[in-house]
Protein backbone atom coordinates (compact mmCIF):
# COMPACT_ATOMS: atom_id res chain seq x y z
CA MET A 1 -0.10 0.03 0.13
CA ILE A 2 1.50 3.28 -1.06
CA CYS A 3 1.25 5.90 2.12
CA ASN A 4 3.03 8.52 0.63
CA MET A 5 2.15 10.36 -2.22
CA ASN A 6 5.10 11.20 -3.37
CA SER A 7 8.04 8.93 -2.80
CA MET A 8 10.38 6.86 -5.10
CA GLU A 9 8.63 3.69 -4.01
CA ASN A 10 5.63 5.00 -6.03
CA ILE A 11 7.50 4.38 -9.14
CA TYR A 12 8.83 1.01 -7.96
CA ASN A 13 5.23 0.23 -6.82
CA ALA A 14 3.36 0.79 -10.03
CA ILE A 15 5.67 -0.76 -12.13
CA LYS A 16 5.49 -4.00 -9.67
CA GLU A 17 1.60 -3.62 -9.93
CA ASN A 18 0.62 -3.64 -13.54
CA ASP A 19 1.85 -5.52 -16.51
CA SER A 20 0.78 -2.93 -19.45
CA ILE A 21 2.65 0.46 -18.78
CA VAL A 22 2.55 3.32 -20.95
CA ILE A 23 5.08 6.14 -21.02
CA PHE A 24 4.02 9.74 -21.49
CA GLY A 25 6.66 12.08 -22.55
CA HIS A 26 5.16 16.55 -22.28
CA ILE A 27 4.83 18.58 -25.52
CA LEU A 28 7.89 19.42 -27.77
CA PRO A 29 10.23 16.46 -26.55
CA ASP A 30 13.33 17.73 -25.65
CA GLY A 31 16.56 15.53 -24.07
CA ASP A 32 15.10 15.18 -21.01
CA CYS A 33 11.94 13.95 -21.83
CA TYR A 34 13.09 10.91 -24.47
CA GLY A 35 16.23 10.49 -22.46
CA SER A 36 14.08 9.61 -19.49
CA GLU A 37 11.21 8.38 -21.41
CA ILE A 38 12.78 5.44 -22.96
CA ALA A 39 15.34 4.99 -20.64
CA MET A 40 12.94 3.72 -18.30
CA ARG A 41 10.84 1.95 -20.36
CA GLU A 42 14.57 -0.09 -21.05
CA ILE A 43 15.25 -0.53 -16.86
CA ILE A 44 11.45 -1.96 -17.03
CA LYS A 45 11.76 -4.19 -19.87
CA ASP A 46 14.88 -5.47 -18.56
CA ASN A 47 14.01 -6.09 -14.82
CA PHE A 48 10.51 -7.15 -15.45
CA PRO A 49 10.47 -9.35 -18.53
CA ASN A 50 6.97 -9.98 -18.66
CA LYS A 51 5.59 -6.61 -18.94
CA LYS A 52 4.71 -4.75 -21.75
CA VAL A 53 5.58 -1.47 -21.41
CA TYR A 54 6.02 1.90 -24.30
CA ALA A 55 7.53 5.06 -24.34
CA ILE A 56 4.81 6.79 -27.06
CA GLY A 57 5.47 10.34 -28.62
CA THR A 58 7.60 12.01 -31.34
CA GLY A 59 10.92 12.09 -29.26
CA ILE A 60 13.91 13.21 -31.25
CA PRO A 61 13.71 11.51 -34.57
CA SER A 62 17.60 12.43 -35.40
CA LEU A 63 18.53 10.31 -32.15
CA PHE A 64 16.37 7.14 -33.31
CA SER A 65 19.31 5.44 -34.73
CA LEU A 66 21.78 5.89 -32.65
CA LEU A 67 19.28 5.51 -29.01
CA SER A 68 15.77 3.68 -29.95
CA PRO A 69 12.86 5.07 -32.19
CA THR A 70 9.17 5.75 -29.91
CA ASP A 71 5.97 3.44 -30.04
CA GLU A 72 3.44 3.43 -31.26
CA VAL A 73 0.00 1.91 -29.59
CA SER A 74 -3.67 1.75 -29.77
CA ASP A 75 -6.31 3.81 -27.83
CA GLU A 76 -7.17 0.01 -26.25
CA THR A 77 -3.61 -0.62 -24.83
CA ILE A 78 -3.32 2.82 -23.36
CA LYS A 79 -6.95 2.39 -21.55
CA ASN A 80 -5.73 -0.83 -20.23
CA SER A 81 -2.37 0.11 -19.33
CA LEU A 82 -0.81 2.52 -16.13
CA ALA A 83 -0.27 5.86 -17.64
CA PHE A 84 3.24 7.12 -16.80
CA LEU A 85 3.80 10.63 -16.94
CA ILE A 86 7.22 11.09 -17.08
CA ASP A 87 9.33 14.90 -17.72
CA MET A 88 6.19 16.76 -17.04
CA ASN A 89 4.67 18.34 -14.16
CA ASP A 90 0.32 17.81 -15.38
CA LEU A 91 -1.71 15.66 -17.13
CA SER A 92 -2.79 18.45 -19.98
CA ARG A 93 1.17 18.66 -20.96
CA SER A 94 1.28 15.57 -22.29
CA GLN A 95 2.28 15.41 -26.13
CA ASP A 96 -0.20 12.28 -26.60
CA LYS A 97 -3.65 13.68 -25.37
CA ARG A 98 -4.60 10.14 -25.71
CA ILE A 99 -3.64 10.34 -21.97
CA SER A 100 -7.02 10.94 -21.03
CA LEU A 101 -8.45 7.36 -21.78
CA ALA A 102 -6.42 6.00 -18.90
CA ASN A 103 -7.37 5.12 -15.15
CA LYS A 104 -4.51 4.71 -13.84
CA PHE A 105 -1.93 7.43 -13.26
CA VAL A 106 1.90 7.59 -11.92
CA LYS A 107 4.43 10.57 -12.34
CA LEU A 108 8.42 10.93 -12.06
CA ASP A 109 9.15 14.97 -12.62
CA HIS A 110 11.53 17.63 -11.59
CA HIS A 111 8.75 20.27 -12.13
CA VAL A 112 7.10 22.22 -9.98
CA GLU A 113 3.38 20.99 -10.03
CA SER A 114 1.04 23.71 -11.68
CA THR A 115 -1.49 22.24 -10.47
CA PRO A 116 -2.43 19.54 -7.68
CA PHE A 117 -1.58 15.95 -9.32
CA ASP A 118 -4.50 13.66 -7.27
CA TYR A 119 -2.22 10.41 -8.03
CA PRO A 120 0.65 8.49 -6.87
CA SER A 121 4.17 10.37 -7.78
CA TYR A 122 7.43 11.07 -7.26
CA VAL A 123 8.59 14.69 -7.39
CA ASP A 124 12.09 16.24 -7.09
CA THR A 125 12.53 19.76 -7.78
CA GLU A 126 16.04 19.79 -6.63
CA SER A 127 17.21 17.39 -9.42
CA ILE A 128 18.78 19.17 -12.36
CA ALA A 129 16.82 16.55 -14.78
CA SER A 130 14.24 13.66 -14.62
CA CYS A 131 16.92 11.37 -16.33
CA GLN A 132 18.63 12.35 -13.19
CA MET A 133 15.83 11.34 -10.98
CA VAL A 134 15.29 8.11 -13.04
CA ALA A 135 19.58 6.84 -13.04
CA ARG A 136 18.66 7.41 -9.09
CA PHE A 137 15.67 5.26 -8.85
CA ALA A 138 17.81 2.60 -10.84
CA PHE A 139 20.68 2.48 -8.16
CA LYS A 140 18.63 2.24 -5.29
CA TYR A 141 16.78 -0.83 -6.33
CA ASN A 142 20.05 -2.12 -8.08
CA LEU A 143 18.61 -2.86 -11.06
CA LYS A 144 20.15 -3.85 -14.32
CA LEU A 145 21.14 -0.70 -16.84
CA SER A 146 21.80 -1.43 -20.31
CA ASN A 147 24.21 0.49 -22.39
CA LEU A 148 21.11 1.98 -24.27
CA ALA A 149 19.07 3.22 -21.10
CA ALA A 150 22.66 4.37 -19.61
CA SER A 151 23.55 6.59 -22.89
CA CYS A 152 19.39 8.12 -22.79
CA LEU A 153 20.51 9.13 -19.12
CA PHE A 154 23.52 10.78 -19.69
CA LEU A 155 21.01 12.50 -23.24
CA GLY A 156 18.85 13.92 -20.11
CA ILE A 157 21.39 14.98 -17.90
CA VAL A 158 23.65 16.89 -20.28
CA THR A 159 20.86 18.74 -22.37
CA ASP A 160 19.01 20.05 -19.75
CA SER A 161 21.88 21.03 -17.42
CA GLY A 162 23.50 22.45 -20.65
CA ARG A 163 26.44 20.39 -20.65
CA PHE A 164 26.54 21.19 -16.68
CA GLN A 165 26.19 24.98 -16.78
CA TYR A 166 23.17 25.14 -15.26
CA SER A 167 22.52 25.10 -11.19
CA PRO A 168 21.96 23.02 -9.20
CA LEU A 169 24.97 20.56 -9.84
CA THR A 170 25.69 18.14 -6.74
CA GLU A 171 28.23 15.66 -6.04
CA GLU A 172 25.78 12.87 -6.69
CA LEU A 173 24.87 14.07 -9.93
CA PHE A 174 28.58 13.41 -10.80
CA ASN A 175 28.60 10.41 -9.28
CA ILE A 176 25.27 9.25 -11.40
CA VAL A 177 27.26 10.63 -14.40
CA SER A 178 30.41 8.41 -13.45
CA LYS A 179 28.23 5.37 -13.27
CA LEU A 180 26.61 5.73 -16.49
CA MET A 181 30.13 6.08 -17.94
CA HIS A 182 30.37 2.45 -15.92
CA TYR A 183 27.32 1.35 -17.28
CA GLY A 184 28.29 2.44 -21.64
CA ALA A 185 26.93 5.88 -21.91
CA ASN A 186 27.94 7.33 -24.97
CA PRO A 187 28.67 11.07 -24.36
CA LYS A 188 31.00 11.14 -28.13
CA ASP A 189 28.32 9.61 -30.78
CA ILE A 190 25.57 11.67 -28.94
CA TYR A 191 27.29 14.83 -28.99
CA SER A 192 27.97 14.38 -32.71
CA ILE A 193 24.34 14.30 -33.20
CA ILE A 194 22.83 17.14 -30.69
CA TYR A 195 25.42 19.64 -31.10
CA GLN A 196 25.58 19.33 -34.85
CA VAL A 197 24.06 22.25 -36.84
CA ASP A 198 23.13 22.45 -40.17
CA GLU A 199 23.65 25.28 -42.56
CA LYS A 200 20.07 27.10 -42.64
CA GLN A 201 20.08 26.63 -38.82
CA LEU A 202 23.77 28.70 -38.24
CA ARG A 203 21.98 31.34 -40.67
CA TYR A 204 19.11 31.46 -38.37
CA LYS A 205 20.99 31.61 -35.31
CA GLY A 206 23.59 34.10 -36.75
CA ASN A 207 20.38 36.94 -37.49
CA MET A 208 19.33 36.36 -33.65
CA ILE A 209 22.67 37.98 -32.63
CA LEU A 210 22.72 40.31 -35.12
CA ASN A 211 18.93 41.47 -33.96
CA TYR A 212 18.55 40.29 -30.51
CA LYS A 213 17.10 43.19 -28.04
CA LYS A 214 18.22 44.53 -24.78
CA SER A 215 15.68 46.10 -22.19
CA PRO A 216 17.49 48.90 -20.10
CA HIS A 217 18.88 46.59 -17.24
CA GLY A 218 20.21 43.79 -19.73
CA VAL A 219 17.52 41.18 -20.40
CA ALA A 220 18.47 40.32 -23.84
CA TYR A 221 15.70 38.89 -26.03
CA PHE A 222 14.46 38.13 -29.10
CA TYR A 223 10.87 37.76 -30.88
CA ALA A 224 10.52 35.37 -33.93
CA PRO A 225 7.69 35.64 -36.08
CA GLU A 226 6.10 32.57 -37.83
CA VAL A 227 7.82 34.66 -41.48
CA LEU A 228 10.78 35.08 -40.22
CA TYR A 229 11.80 30.97 -39.60
CA GLU A 230 9.70 29.94 -42.61
CA LYS A 231 11.88 32.97 -44.47
CA PHE A 232 14.83 30.60 -43.42
CA ASP A 233 13.13 27.04 -44.12
CA LEU A 234 12.90 26.29 -40.31
CA THR A 235 10.32 24.78 -38.26
CA PHE A 236 8.74 26.25 -35.26
CA GLU A 237 9.97 22.75 -33.37
CA ALA A 238 13.29 23.66 -34.53
CA ILE A 239 13.85 27.03 -33.37
CA SER A 240 11.44 27.39 -30.41
CA ASN A 241 14.13 26.24 -28.11
CA GLN A 242 17.04 28.18 -29.58
CA VAL A 243 17.26 30.45 -26.06
CA ASN A 244 20.74 29.70 -24.94
CA VAL A 245 22.01 31.52 -28.83
CA LEU A 246 21.35 34.12 -26.00
CA ALA A 247 23.47 32.95 -23.09
CA ASN A 248 26.55 34.03 -21.49
CA ILE A 249 25.94 38.03 -23.04
CA LYS A 250 28.48 39.91 -20.92
CA GLY A 251 25.88 42.48 -18.90
CA SER A 252 23.06 39.90 -19.74
CA PRO A 253 22.19 37.75 -16.54
CA ILE A 254 18.93 36.68 -18.13
CA TRP A 255 18.03 36.24 -21.72
CA ALA A 256 14.22 35.43 -23.38
CA LEU A 257 13.40 34.25 -26.96
CA PHE A 258 9.73 34.23 -27.80
CA THR A 259 8.71 32.29 -30.72
CA GLU A 260 5.40 32.42 -32.24
CA ALA A 261 3.50 29.08 -33.29
CA PRO A 262 1.43 28.38 -36.25
CA ASP A 263 -1.69 28.70 -34.18
CA GLY A 264 -0.34 32.49 -33.27
CA GLY A 265 0.52 31.86 -29.50
CA ILE A 266 3.80 32.29 -28.19
CA ARG A 267 6.33 30.36 -26.71
CA VAL A 268 8.51 31.76 -24.06
CA GLU A 269 11.95 30.52 -22.97
CA LEU A 270 13.31 32.32 -20.12
CA ARG A 271 17.07 31.92 -18.60
CA SER A 272 19.20 33.59 -16.38
CA THR A 273 22.69 33.11 -14.40
CA GLY A 274 21.27 33.27 -11.17
CA TYR A 275 18.04 35.46 -10.89
CA ASP A 276 14.46 33.79 -10.33
CA VAL A 277 12.94 33.40 -13.66
CA GLN A 278 10.27 30.77 -12.72
CA LYS A 279 8.27 33.12 -10.36
CA VAL A 280 8.15 35.25 -13.97
CA ALA A 281 6.54 32.19 -15.95
CA CYS A 282 4.46 31.29 -13.22
CA GLN A 283 3.38 34.58 -13.62
CA PHE A 284 1.93 34.23 -16.88
CA GLY A 285 0.71 30.65 -16.31
CA GLY A 286 4.01 28.66 -16.69
CA GLY A 287 6.55 27.24 -14.82
CA GLY A 288 9.58 25.52 -14.69
CA HIS A 289 13.36 26.01 -12.99
CA VAL A 290 14.82 29.29 -11.05
CA CYS A 291 17.33 29.71 -13.85
CA ALA A 292 15.56 27.95 -16.47
CA SER A 293 11.49 28.39 -17.06
CA GLY A 294 9.24 28.83 -19.87
CA ALA A 295 5.42 30.01 -20.89
CA ARG A 296 3.14 29.99 -23.36
CA LEU A 297 0.71 32.86 -24.05
CA SER A 298 -2.19 32.48 -26.31
CA LYS A 299 -2.70 34.86 -29.58
CA GLU A 300 -5.26 37.18 -27.82
CA ASN A 301 -2.22 38.06 -25.12
CA ALA A 302 0.50 37.86 -27.42
CA SER A 303 1.09 41.89 -25.94
CA GLN A 304 1.99 40.03 -22.19
CA MET A 305 5.88 39.63 -23.78
CA ASP A 306 6.37 42.75 -23.22
CA ASP A 307 5.21 42.54 -19.41
CA ILE A 308 7.71 39.89 -19.51
CA ILE A 309 10.70 41.91 -20.44
CA LYS A 310 9.64 44.46 -17.61
CA VAL A 311 9.39 42.27 -14.66
CA CYS A 312 12.43 40.53 -15.59
CA ASP A 313 13.96 43.75 -15.90
CA GLU A 314 12.54 44.93 -12.38
CA ILE A 315 14.10 41.57 -11.33
CA ILE A 316 17.83 42.41 -12.28
CA ALA A 317 17.15 46.34 -11.27
CA LYS A 318 16.67 45.33 -7.77
CA GLY A 319 19.60 42.16 -7.77
CA GLU A 320 17.49 39.43 -6.85
CA LEU A 321 19.86 37.09 -7.22
CA GLN A 322 19.01 33.16 -5.58
């Protein structure tokens, strides 16, 4: 019986108690989402061979040949499976909306909860990545870890930490990475794919660097309307996560990217070197971490981009470092 609604034991119990498990990731999956989905799928398969387990969503197709493709499942399978949320704080964040067909849920995540999750979960907002939590779980229960699972976990940790630039960086995190290397994680081949830039993206990044703006107290920001990235023959998915093109600009401790989606809404990505941008994102309906957060503005509320820049600018002016 699960007594604590937020504990690592919930994950272990949920796996033991269910013969079919479907793992769901969030909208616009990144390295941590895709990595933690595939890693958890492989860990369950290797340690509970009689269970059926699937990781669904688009994942990151460029990594499929090196790591693994995601799975396709029927509506009926979802109805008869445990829905395992990973790297997302709420059902509404699921990329595959068929999650609503399930009637059993469990969650592993490192984001602040935007709404109460009334099901068993394991949440740790002090972890840099969900992959860190999956690795911690595997090591706690002495579970087998394949080369594939280790590489997927390394992927999530290295991408969500910005190659170990962002907080929180802890002794435990580096101990986990060391163990993942022991289990066969393959950084070289992962880097060769995730940090490769094609010429269209390179030109687009050059345009960002040439045309970003700064607020009075140093917020560096860039607005990408749909017509702009289409001019470079790029998609919303390809460019809406490029916020760190504006990282490390001297005198700009907060940087922001606003990308217009095809439906007219705006994806907001906020980053900082120590200022709390999480509270800014939450103020505008988003969330995330102290130094890395995001939100989404509706087409009707697109004018709030100016408000977000103003709030970030005031935080710098007040010197509200964490």
